[in-house]
Amino acid sequence: MGPRGKRLREQGLRVLAFDFGTNLVADIPGAAAELRSEGAAKVVLVGASMGGAASLVVATMVTPPVSGVASVSGPAEYRGIDTLAAAKQLK
């Protein structure tokens, strides 16, 4: 975990940083579930580039819904992941 993640943990927040496997969209719900199993009441997905694209799509699928999502420089489409369609579903 990088310095930003460490600072967030020092502030009492739970942070889970991971490397994607072969299926971007399939890996993120498990990460959200892990944070919830550790007691997180709210989950926010954050990703950059392809991780941002995948986070937006997963935010439309995770139950219970996530509290927020941030895509940093995520593409509009990545390997069949339609980020724009997902973003239109979010409130």
PDB file of N, CA and C in Angstrom:
ATOM      1  N   MET A   1       0.856  -1.174   0.000  1.00  0.00           N
ATOM      2  CA  MET A   1       0.000   0.000   0.000  1.00  0.00           C
ATOM      3  C   MET A   1       0.894   1.227   0.000  1.00  0.00           C
ATOM      4  N   GLY A   2       0.504   2.204  -0.771  1.00  0.00           N
ATOM      5  CA  GLY A   2       1.287   3.424  -0.902  1.00  0.00           C
ATOM      6  C   GLY A   2       1.083   4.373   0.268  1.00  0.00           C
ATOM      7  N   PRO A   3       1.776   5.498   0.247  1.00  0.00           N
ATOM      8  CA  PRO A   3       1.697   6.460   1.348  1.00  0.00           C
ATOM      9  C   PRO A   3       0.308   7.050   1.551  1.00  0.00           C
ATOM     10  N   ARG A   4      -0.443   7.247   0.472  1.00  0.00           N
ATOM     11  CA  ARG A   4      -1.801   7.791   0.625  1.00  0.00           C
ATOM     12  C   ARG A   4      -2.695   6.807   1.373  1.00  0.00           C
ATOM     13  N   GLY A   5      -2.596   5.545   1.009  1.00  0.00           N
ATOM     14  CA  GLY A   5      -3.374   4.524   1.703  1.00  0.00           C
ATOM     15  C   GLY A   5      -3.013   4.441   3.176  1.00  0.00           C
ATOM     16  N   LYS A   6      -1.741   4.546   3.471  1.00  0.00           N
ATOM     17  CA  LYS A   6      -1.297   4.521   4.869  1.00  0.00           C
ATOM     18  C   LYS A   6      -1.850   5.711   5.639  1.00  0.00           C
ATOM     19  N   ARG A   7      -1.854   6.889   5.008  1.00  0.00           N
ATOM     20  CA  ARG A   7      -2.405   8.073   5.684  1.00  0.00           C
ATOM     21  C   ARG A   7      -3.894   7.893   5.955  1.00  0.00           C
ATOM     22  N   LEU A   8      -4.617   7.338   5.012  1.00  0.00           N
ATOM     23  CA  LEU A   8      -6.048   7.096   5.223  1.00  0.00           C
ATOM     24  C   LEU A   8      -6.272   6.120   6.368  1.00  0.00           C
ATOM     25  N   ARG A   9      -5.468   5.076   6.423  1.00  0.00           N
ATOM     26  CA  ARG A   9      -5.588   4.114   7.539  1.00  0.00           C
ATOM     27  C   ARG A   9      -5.287   4.793   8.879  1.00  0.00           C
ATOM     28  N   GLU A  10      -4.287   5.678   8.891  1.00  0.00           N
ATOM     29  CA  GLU A  10      -3.954   6.401  10.118  1.00  0.00           C
ATOM     30  C   GLU A  10      -5.115   7.275  10.576  1.00  0.00           C
ATOM     31  N   GLN A  11      -5.973   7.670   9.637  1.00  0.00           N
ATOM     32  CA  GLN A  11      -7.151   8.476   9.966  1.00  0.00           C
ATOM     33  C   GLN A  11      -8.338   7.609  10.360  1.00  0.00           C
ATOM     34  N   GLY A  12      -8.127   6.302  10.437  1.00  0.00           N
ATOM     35  CA  GLY A  12      -9.184   5.400  10.884  1.00  0.00           C
ATOM     36  C   GLY A  12     -10.042   4.817   9.773  1.00  0.00           C
ATOM     37  N   LEU A  13      -9.650   5.028   8.530  1.00  0.00           N
ATOM     38  CA  LEU A  13     -10.406   4.482   7.408  1.00  0.00           C
ATOM     39  C   LEU A  13      -9.835   3.123   7.003  1.00  0.00           C
ATOM     40  N   ARG A  14     -10.691   2.264   6.485  1.00  0.00           N
ATOM     41  CA  ARG A  14     -10.227   0.984   5.956  1.00  0.00           C
ATOM     42  C   ARG A  14      -9.866   1.189   4.487  1.00  0.00           C
ATOM     43  N   VAL A  15      -8.731   0.660   4.095  1.00  0.00           N
ATOM     44  CA  VAL A  15      -8.259   0.800   2.724  1.00  0.00           C
ATOM     45  C   VAL A  15      -7.847  -0.572   2.230  1.00  0.00           C
ATOM     46  N   LEU A  16      -8.278  -0.909   1.042  1.00  0.00           N
ATOM     47  CA  LEU A  16      -7.882  -2.169   0.428  1.00  0.00           C
ATOM     48  C   LEU A  16      -7.366  -1.866  -0.968  1.00  0.00           C
ATOM     49  N   ALA A  17      -6.091  -2.034  -1.165  1.00  0.00           N
ATOM     50  CA  ALA A  17      -5.479  -1.833  -2.474  1.00  0.00           C
ATOM     51  C   ALA A  17      -5.091  -3.207  -3.001  1.00  0.00           C
ATOM     52  N   PHE A  18      -5.371  -3.449  -4.285  1.00  0.00           N
ATOM     53  CA  PHE A  18      -5.041  -4.761  -4.835  1.00  0.00           C
ATOM     54  C   PHE A  18      -4.736  -4.648  -6.314  1.00  0.00           C
ATOM     55  N   ASP A  19      -4.081  -5.666  -6.823  1.00  0.00           N
ATOM     56  CA  ASP A  19      -3.815  -5.765  -8.251  1.00  0.00           C
ATOM     57  C   ASP A  19      -4.910  -6.621  -8.868  1.00  0.00           C
ATOM     58  N   PHE A  20      -5.384  -6.211 -10.034  1.00  0.00           N
ATOM     59  CA  PHE A  20      -6.419  -6.962 -10.730  1.00  0.00           C
ATOM     60  C   PHE A  20      -5.883  -8.302 -11.200  1.00  0.00           C
ATOM     61  N   GLY A  21      -6.783  -9.278 -11.246  1.00  0.00           N
ATOM     62  CA  GLY A  21      -6.475 -10.551 -11.884  1.00  0.00           C
ATOM     63  C   GLY A  21      -6.810 -10.444 -13.361  1.00  0.00           C
ATOM     64  N   THR A  22      -7.335 -11.503 -13.912  1.00  0.00           N
ATOM     65  CA  THR A  22      -7.632 -11.506 -15.340  1.00  0.00           C
ATOM     66  C   THR A  22      -8.980 -10.894 -15.672  1.00  0.00           C
ATOM     67  N   ASN A  23      -9.882 -10.772 -14.701  1.00  0.00           N
ATOM     68  CA  ASN A  23     -11.212 -10.222 -14.958  1.00  0.00           C
ATOM     69  C   ASN A  23     -11.425  -9.009 -14.063  1.00  0.00           C
ATOM     70  N   LEU A  24     -11.257  -7.828 -14.629  1.00  0.00           N
ATOM     71  CA  LEU A  24     -11.338  -6.590 -13.853  1.00  0.00           C
ATOM     72  C   LEU A  24     -12.640  -6.472 -13.077  1.00  0.00           C
ATOM     73  N   VAL A  25     -13.749  -6.674 -13.745  1.00  0.00           N
ATOM     74  CA  VAL A  25     -15.056  -6.465 -13.128  1.00  0.00           C
ATOM     75  C   VAL A  25     -15.342  -7.518 -12.064  1.00  0.00           C
ATOM     76  N   ALA A  26     -14.841  -8.725 -12.224  1.00  0.00           N
ATOM     77  CA  ALA A  26     -15.108  -9.795 -11.251  1.00  0.00           C
ATOM     78  C   ALA A  26     -14.332  -9.625  -9.953  1.00  0.00           C
ATOM     79  N   ASP A  27     -13.201  -8.946  -9.974  1.00  0.00           N
ATOM     80  CA  ASP A  27     -12.355  -8.828  -8.780  1.00  0.00           C
ATOM     81  C   ASP A  27     -12.841  -7.782  -7.790  1.00  0.00           C
ATOM     82  N   ILE A  28     -13.462  -6.738  -8.258  1.00  0.00           N
ATOM     83  CA  ILE A  28     -13.823  -5.615  -7.382  1.00  0.00           C
ATOM     84  C   ILE A  28     -14.935  -5.960  -6.386  1.00  0.00           C
ATOM     85  N   PRO A  29     -15.993  -6.671  -6.763  1.00  0.00           N
ATOM     86  CA  PRO A  29     -17.014  -7.006  -5.753  1.00  0.00           C
ATOM     87  C   PRO A  29     -16.440  -7.769  -4.556  1.00  0.00           C
ATOM     88  N   GLY A  30     -15.478  -8.626  -4.804  1.00  0.00           N
ATOM     89  CA  GLY A  30     -14.840  -9.348  -3.702  1.00  0.00           C
ATOM     90  C   GLY A  30     -14.082  -8.416  -2.773  1.00  0.00           C
ATOM     91  N   ALA A  31     -13.459  -7.394  -3.348  1.00  0.00           N
ATOM     92  CA  ALA A  31     -12.748  -6.409  -2.528  1.00  0.00           C
ATOM     93  C   ALA A  31     -13.734  -5.639  -1.658  1.00  0.00           C
ATOM     94  N   ALA A  32     -14.871  -5.255  -2.249  1.00  0.00           N
ATOM     95  CA  ALA A  32     -15.904  -4.550  -1.472  1.00  0.00           C
ATOM     96  C   ALA A  32     -16.450  -5.447  -0.367  1.00  0.00           C
ATOM     97  N   ALA A  33     -16.671  -6.714  -0.679  1.00  0.00           N
ATOM     98  CA  ALA A  33     -17.172  -7.656   0.325  1.00  0.00           C
ATOM     99  C   ALA A  33     -16.166  -7.843   1.453  1.00  0.00           C
ATOM    100  N   GLU A  34     -14.890  -7.868   1.127  1.00  0.00           N
ATOM    101  CA  GLU A  34     -13.851  -8.006   2.154  1.00  0.00           C
ATOM    102  C   GLU A  34     -13.873  -6.812   3.107  1.00  0.00           C
ATOM    103  N   LEU A  35     -13.991  -5.605   2.567  1.00  0.00           N
ATOM    104  CA  LEU A  35     -14.057  -4.421   3.429  1.00  0.00           C
ATOM    105  C   LEU A  35     -15.291  -4.472   4.330  1.00  0.00           C
ATOM    106  N   ARG A  36     -16.400  -4.904   3.778  1.00  0.00           N
ATOM    107  CA  ARG A  36     -17.618  -5.007   4.592  1.00  0.00           C
ATOM    108  C   ARG A  36     -17.469  -6.067   5.671  1.00  0.00           C
ATOM    109  N   SER A  37     -16.784  -7.151   5.364  1.00  0.00           N
ATOM    110  CA  SER A  37     -16.580  -8.204   6.366  1.00  0.00           C
ATOM    111  C   SER A  37     -15.690  -7.720   7.507  1.00  0.00           C
ATOM    112  N   GLU A  38     -14.876  -6.712   7.231  1.00  0.00           N
ATOM    113  CA  GLU A  38     -14.024  -6.110   8.258  1.00  0.00           C
ATOM    114  C   GLU A  38     -14.754  -5.016   9.036  1.00  0.00           C
ATOM    115  N   GLY A  39     -16.031  -4.774   8.699  1.00  0.00           N
ATOM    116  CA  GLY A  39     -16.814  -3.808   9.453  1.00  0.00           C
ATOM    117  C   GLY A  39     -17.055  -2.476   8.778  1.00  0.00           C
ATOM    118  N   ALA A  40     -16.639  -2.322   7.540  1.00  0.00           N
ATOM    119  CA  ALA A  40     -16.858  -1.048   6.839  1.00  0.00           C
ATOM    120  C   ALA A  40     -18.352  -0.850   6.591  1.00  0.00           C
ATOM    121  N   ALA A  41     -18.885   0.266   7.052  1.00  0.00           N
ATOM    122  CA  ALA A  41     -20.298   0.576   6.845  1.00  0.00           C
ATOM    123  C   ALA A  41     -20.527   1.197   5.472  1.00  0.00           C
ATOM    124  N   LYS A  42     -19.526   1.896   4.964  1.00  0.00           N
ATOM    125  CA  LYS A  42     -19.616   2.535   3.657  1.00  0.00           C
ATOM    126  C   LYS A  42     -18.410   2.103   2.825  1.00  0.00           C
ATOM    127  N   VAL A  43     -18.644   1.866   1.549  1.00  0.00           N
ATOM    128  CA  VAL A  43     -17.571   1.493   0.636  1.00  0.00           C
ATOM    129  C   VAL A  43     -17.584   2.468  -0.537  1.00  0.00           C
ATOM    130  N   VAL A  44     -16.414   2.989  -0.854  1.00  0.00           N
ATOM    131  CA  VAL A  44     -16.239   3.863  -2.008  1.00  0.00           C
ATOM    132  C   VAL A  44     -15.209   3.201  -2.912  1.00  0.00           C
ATOM    133  N   LEU A  45     -15.555   3.029  -4.173  1.00  0.00           N
ATOM    134  CA  LEU A  45     -14.634   2.444  -5.143  1.00  0.00           C
ATOM    135  C   LEU A  45     -13.867   3.556  -5.834  1.00  0.00           C
ATOM    136  N   VAL A  46     -12.552   3.394  -5.932  1.00  0.00           N
ATOM    137  CA  VAL A  46     -11.708   4.376  -6.603  1.00  0.00           C
ATOM    138  C   VAL A  46     -10.743   3.615  -7.501  1.00  0.00           C
ATOM    139  N   GLY A  47     -10.639   4.042  -8.732  1.00  0.00           N
ATOM    140  CA  GLY A  47      -9.705   3.404  -9.644  1.00  0.00           C
ATOM    141  C   GLY A  47      -9.188   4.391 -10.657  1.00  0.00           C
ATOM    142  N   ALA A  48      -8.028   4.092 -11.189  1.00  0.00           N
ATOM    143  CA  ALA A  48      -7.427   4.933 -12.220  1.00  0.00           C
ATOM    144  C   ALA A  48      -7.302   4.130 -13.506  1.00  0.00           C
ATOM    145  N   SER A  49      -7.475   4.809 -14.606  1.00  0.00           N
ATOM    146  CA  SER A  49      -7.370   4.201 -15.923  1.00  0.00           C
ATOM    147  C   SER A  49      -8.332   3.021 -16.029  1.00  0.00           C
ATOM    148  N   MET A  50      -7.842   1.826 -16.344  1.00  0.00           N
ATOM    149  CA  MET A  50      -8.740   0.678 -16.497  1.00  0.00           C
ATOM    150  C   MET A  50      -9.441   0.346 -15.186  1.00  0.00           C
ATOM    151  N   GLY A  51      -8.798   0.604 -14.057  1.00  0.00           N
ATOM    152  CA  GLY A  51      -9.426   0.382 -12.753  1.00  0.00           C
ATOM    153  C   GLY A  51     -10.581   1.336 -12.515  1.00  0.00           C
ATOM    154  N   GLY A  52     -10.471   2.540 -13.040  1.00  0.00           N
ATOM    155  CA  GLY A  52     -11.569   3.497 -12.942  1.00  0.00           C
ATOM    156  C   GLY A  52     -12.758   3.057 -13.765  1.00  0.00           C
ATOM    157  N   ALA A  53     -12.489   2.551 -14.956  1.00  0.00           N
ATOM    158  CA  ALA A  53     -13.560   2.045 -15.808  1.00  0.00           C
ATOM    159  C   ALA A  53     -14.275   0.879 -15.130  1.00  0.00           C
ATOM    160  N   ALA A  54     -13.511  -0.052 -14.622  1.00  0.00           N
ATOM    161  CA  ALA A  54     -14.097  -1.213 -13.952  1.00  0.00           C
ATOM    162  C   ALA A  54     -14.861  -0.803 -12.695  1.00  0.00           C
ATOM    163  N   SER A  55     -14.350   0.155 -11.943  1.00  0.00           N
ATOM    164  CA  SER A  55     -15.031   0.610 -10.728  1.00  0.00           C
ATOM    165  C   SER A  55     -16.396   1.204 -11.031  1.00  0.00           C
ATOM    166  N   LEU A  56     -16.496   1.958 -12.118  1.00  0.00           N
ATOM    167  CA  LEU A  56     -17.789   2.529 -12.494  1.00  0.00           C
ATOM    168  C   LEU A  56     -18.803   1.441 -12.828  1.00  0.00           C
ATOM    169  N   VAL A  57     -18.372   0.445 -13.555  1.00  0.00           N
ATOM    170  CA  VAL A  57     -19.279  -0.649 -13.917  1.00  0.00           C
ATOM    171  C   VAL A  57     -19.695  -1.426 -12.671  1.00  0.00           C
ATOM    172  N   VAL A  58     -18.749  -1.747 -11.819  1.00  0.00           N
ATOM    173  CA  VAL A  58     -19.059  -2.516 -10.610  1.00  0.00           C
ATOM    174  C   VAL A  58     -19.967  -1.736  -9.672  1.00  0.00           C
ATOM    175  N   ALA A  59     -19.837  -0.415  -9.648  1.00  0.00           N
ATOM    176  CA  ALA A  59     -20.693   0.401  -8.778  1.00  0.00           C
ATOM    177  C   ALA A  59     -22.171   0.221  -9.118  1.00  0.00           C
ATOM    178  N   THR A  60     -22.463  -0.195 -10.345  1.00  0.00           N
ATOM    179  CA  THR A  60     -23.863  -0.427 -10.736  1.00  0.00           C
ATOM    180  C   THR A  60     -24.346  -1.806 -10.321  1.00  0.00           C
ATOM    181  N   MET A  61     -23.437  -2.678  -9.885  1.00  0.00           N
ATOM    182  CA  MET A  61     -23.780  -4.078  -9.625  1.00  0.00           C
ATOM    183  C   MET A  61     -23.698  -4.507  -8.170  1.00  0.00           C
ATOM    184  N   VAL A  62     -22.877  -3.860  -7.365  1.00  0.00           N
ATOM    185  CA  VAL A  62     -22.608  -4.320  -6.001  1.00  0.00           C
ATOM    186  C   VAL A  62     -23.832  -4.144  -5.108  1.00  0.00           C
ATOM    187  N   THR A  63     -24.102  -5.179  -4.309  1.00  0.00           N
ATOM    188  CA  THR A  63     -25.195  -5.139  -3.343  1.00  0.00           C
ATOM    189  C   THR A  63     -24.634  -5.473  -1.975  1.00  0.00           C
ATOM    190  N   PRO A  64     -24.914  -4.670  -0.964  1.00  0.00           N
ATOM    191  CA  PRO A  64     -25.607  -3.392  -1.034  1.00  0.00           C
ATOM    192  C   PRO A  64     -24.792  -2.385  -1.848  1.00  0.00           C
ATOM    193  N   PRO A  65     -25.479  -1.355  -2.359  1.00  0.00           N
ATOM    194  CA  PRO A  65     -24.774  -0.375  -3.216  1.00  0.00           C
ATOM    195  C   PRO A  65     -23.617   0.306  -2.488  1.00  0.00           C
ATOM    196  N   VAL A  66     -22.611   0.686  -3.264  1.00  0.00           N
ATOM    197  CA  VAL A  66     -21.500   1.431  -2.689  1.00  0.00           C
ATOM    198  C   VAL A  66     -21.942   2.867  -2.423  1.00  0.00           C
ATOM    199  N   SER A  67     -21.231   3.535  -1.547  1.00  0.00           N
ATOM    200  CA  SER A  67     -21.564   4.923  -1.194  1.00  0.00           C
ATOM    201  C   SER A  67     -21.044   5.918  -2.216  1.00  0.00           C
ATOM    202  N   GLY A  68     -20.052   5.511  -2.986  1.00  0.00           N
ATOM    203  CA  GLY A  68     -19.504   6.416  -3.979  1.00  0.00           C
ATOM    204  C   GLY A  68     -18.530   5.692  -4.883  1.00  0.00           C
ATOM    205  N   VAL A  69     -18.196   6.348  -5.972  1.00  0.00           N
ATOM    206  CA  VAL A  69     -17.231   5.801  -6.923  1.00  0.00           C
ATOM    207  C   VAL A  69     -16.481   6.952  -7.578  1.00  0.00           C
ATOM    208  N   ALA A  70     -15.183   6.754  -7.793  1.00  0.00           N
ATOM    209  CA  ALA A  70     -14.361   7.757  -8.477  1.00  0.00           C
ATOM    210  C   ALA A  70     -13.539   7.060  -9.545  1.00  0.00           C
ATOM    211  N   SER A  71     -13.642   7.577 -10.745  1.00  0.00           N
ATOM    212  CA  SER A  71     -12.842   7.075 -11.858  1.00  0.00           C
ATOM    213  C   SER A  71     -11.855   8.168 -12.234  1.00  0.00           C
ATOM    214  N   VAL A  72     -10.586   7.897 -12.061  1.00  0.00           N
ATOM    215  CA  VAL A  72      -9.545   8.871 -12.376  1.00  0.00           C
ATOM    216  C   VAL A  72      -8.957   8.508 -13.744  1.00  0.00           C
ATOM    217  N   SER A  73      -9.267   9.319 -14.725  1.00  0.00           N
ATOM    218  CA  SER A  73      -8.770   9.118 -16.087  1.00  0.00           C
ATOM    219  C   SER A  73      -9.194   7.788 -16.689  1.00  0.00           C
ATOM    220  N   GLY A  74     -10.353   7.302 -16.284  1.00  0.00           N
ATOM    221  CA  GLY A  74     -10.857   6.053 -16.855  1.00  0.00           C
ATOM    222  C   GLY A  74     -11.347   6.266 -18.274  1.00  0.00           C
ATOM    223  N   PRO A  75     -11.084   5.309 -19.159  1.00  0.00           N
ATOM    224  CA  PRO A  75     -11.532   5.448 -20.540  1.00  0.00           C
ATOM    225  C   PRO A  75     -13.038   5.226 -20.660  1.00  0.00           C
ATOM    226  N   ALA A  76     -13.618   5.700 -21.748  1.00  0.00           N
ATOM    227  CA  ALA A  76     -15.049   5.521 -22.000  1.00  0.00           C
ATOM    228  C   ALA A  76     -15.384   4.063 -22.270  1.00  0.00           C
ATOM    229  N   GLU A  77     -14.401   3.320 -22.783  1.00  0.00           N
ATOM    230  CA  GLU A  77     -14.571   1.901 -23.058  1.00  0.00           C
ATOM    231  C   GLU A  77     -13.219   1.231 -22.891  1.00  0.00           C
ATOM    232  N   TYR A  78     -13.240   0.049 -22.292  1.00  0.00           N
ATOM    233  CA  TYR A  78     -11.996  -0.700 -22.129  1.00  0.00           C
ATOM    234  C   TYR A  78     -12.302  -2.186 -22.199  1.00  0.00           C
ATOM    235  N   ARG A  79     -11.809  -2.841 -23.214  1.00  0.00           N
ATOM    236  CA  ARG A  79     -11.979  -4.287 -23.387  1.00  0.00           C
ATOM    237  C   ARG A  79     -13.418  -4.745 -23.148  1.00  0.00           C
ATOM    238  N   GLY A  80     -14.336  -4.054 -23.749  1.00  0.00           N
ATOM    239  CA  GLY A  80     -15.743  -4.424 -23.621  1.00  0.00           C
ATOM    240  C   GLY A  80     -16.444  -3.837 -22.415  1.00  0.00           C
ATOM    241  N   ILE A  81     -15.726  -3.108 -21.574  1.00  0.00           N
ATOM    242  CA  ILE A  81     -16.337  -2.453 -20.419  1.00  0.00           C
ATOM    243  C   ILE A  81     -16.869  -1.103 -20.880  1.00  0.00           C
ATOM    244  N   ASP A  82     -18.175  -0.932 -20.863  1.00  0.00           N
ATOM    245  CA  ASP A  82     -18.811   0.306 -21.333  1.00  0.00           C
ATOM    246  C   ASP A  82     -19.010   1.255 -20.155  1.00  0.00           C
ATOM    247  N   THR A  83     -18.022   2.090 -19.931  1.00  0.00           N
ATOM    248  CA  THR A  83     -18.031   3.003 -18.800  1.00  0.00           C
ATOM    249  C   THR A  83     -19.146   4.040 -18.903  1.00  0.00           C
ATOM    250  N   LEU A  84     -19.379   4.561 -20.080  1.00  0.00           N
ATOM    251  CA  LEU A  84     -20.406   5.594 -20.242  1.00  0.00           C
ATOM    252  C   LEU A  84     -21.789   5.053 -19.924  1.00  0.00           C
ATOM    253  N   ALA A  85     -22.107   3.852 -20.363  1.00  0.00           N
ATOM    254  CA  ALA A  85     -23.409   3.244 -20.051  1.00  0.00           C
ATOM    255  C   ALA A  85     -23.555   3.042 -18.549  1.00  0.00           C
ATOM    256  N   ALA A  86     -22.470   2.619 -17.894  1.00  0.00           N
ATOM    257  CA  ALA A  86     -22.520   2.423 -16.442  1.00  0.00           C
ATOM    258  C   ALA A  86     -22.728   3.740 -15.722  1.00  0.00           C
ATOM    259  N   ALA A  87     -22.012   4.773 -16.138  1.00  0.00           N
ATOM    260  CA  ALA A  87     -22.116   6.077 -15.478  1.00  0.00           C
ATOM    261  C   ALA A  87     -23.536   6.621 -15.546  1.00  0.00           C
ATOM    262  N   LYS A  88     -24.230   6.361 -16.628  1.00  0.00           N
ATOM    263  CA  LYS A  88     -25.611   6.839 -16.771  1.00  0.00           C
ATOM    264  C   LYS A  88     -26.564   6.168 -15.789  1.00  0.00           C
ATOM    265  N   GLN A  89     -26.182   5.022 -15.255  1.00  0.00           N
ATOM    266  CA  GLN A  89     -27.024   4.298 -14.295  1.00  0.00           C
ATOM    267  C   GLN A  89     -26.827   4.769 -12.855  1.00  0.00           C
ATOM    268  N   LEU A  90     -25.754   5.494 -12.614  1.00  0.00           N
ATOM    269  CA  LEU A  90     -25.399   5.892 -11.244  1.00  0.00           C
ATOM    270  C   LEU A  90     -26.117   7.168 -10.837  1.00  0.00           C
ATOM    271  N   LYS A  91     -26.386   7.276  -9.539  1.00  0.00           N
ATOM    272  CA  LYS A  91     -27.032   8.478  -8.975  1.00  0.00           C
ATOM    273  C   LYS A  91     -26.107   9.131  -7.991  1.00  0.00           C
TER     274      LYS A  91
END
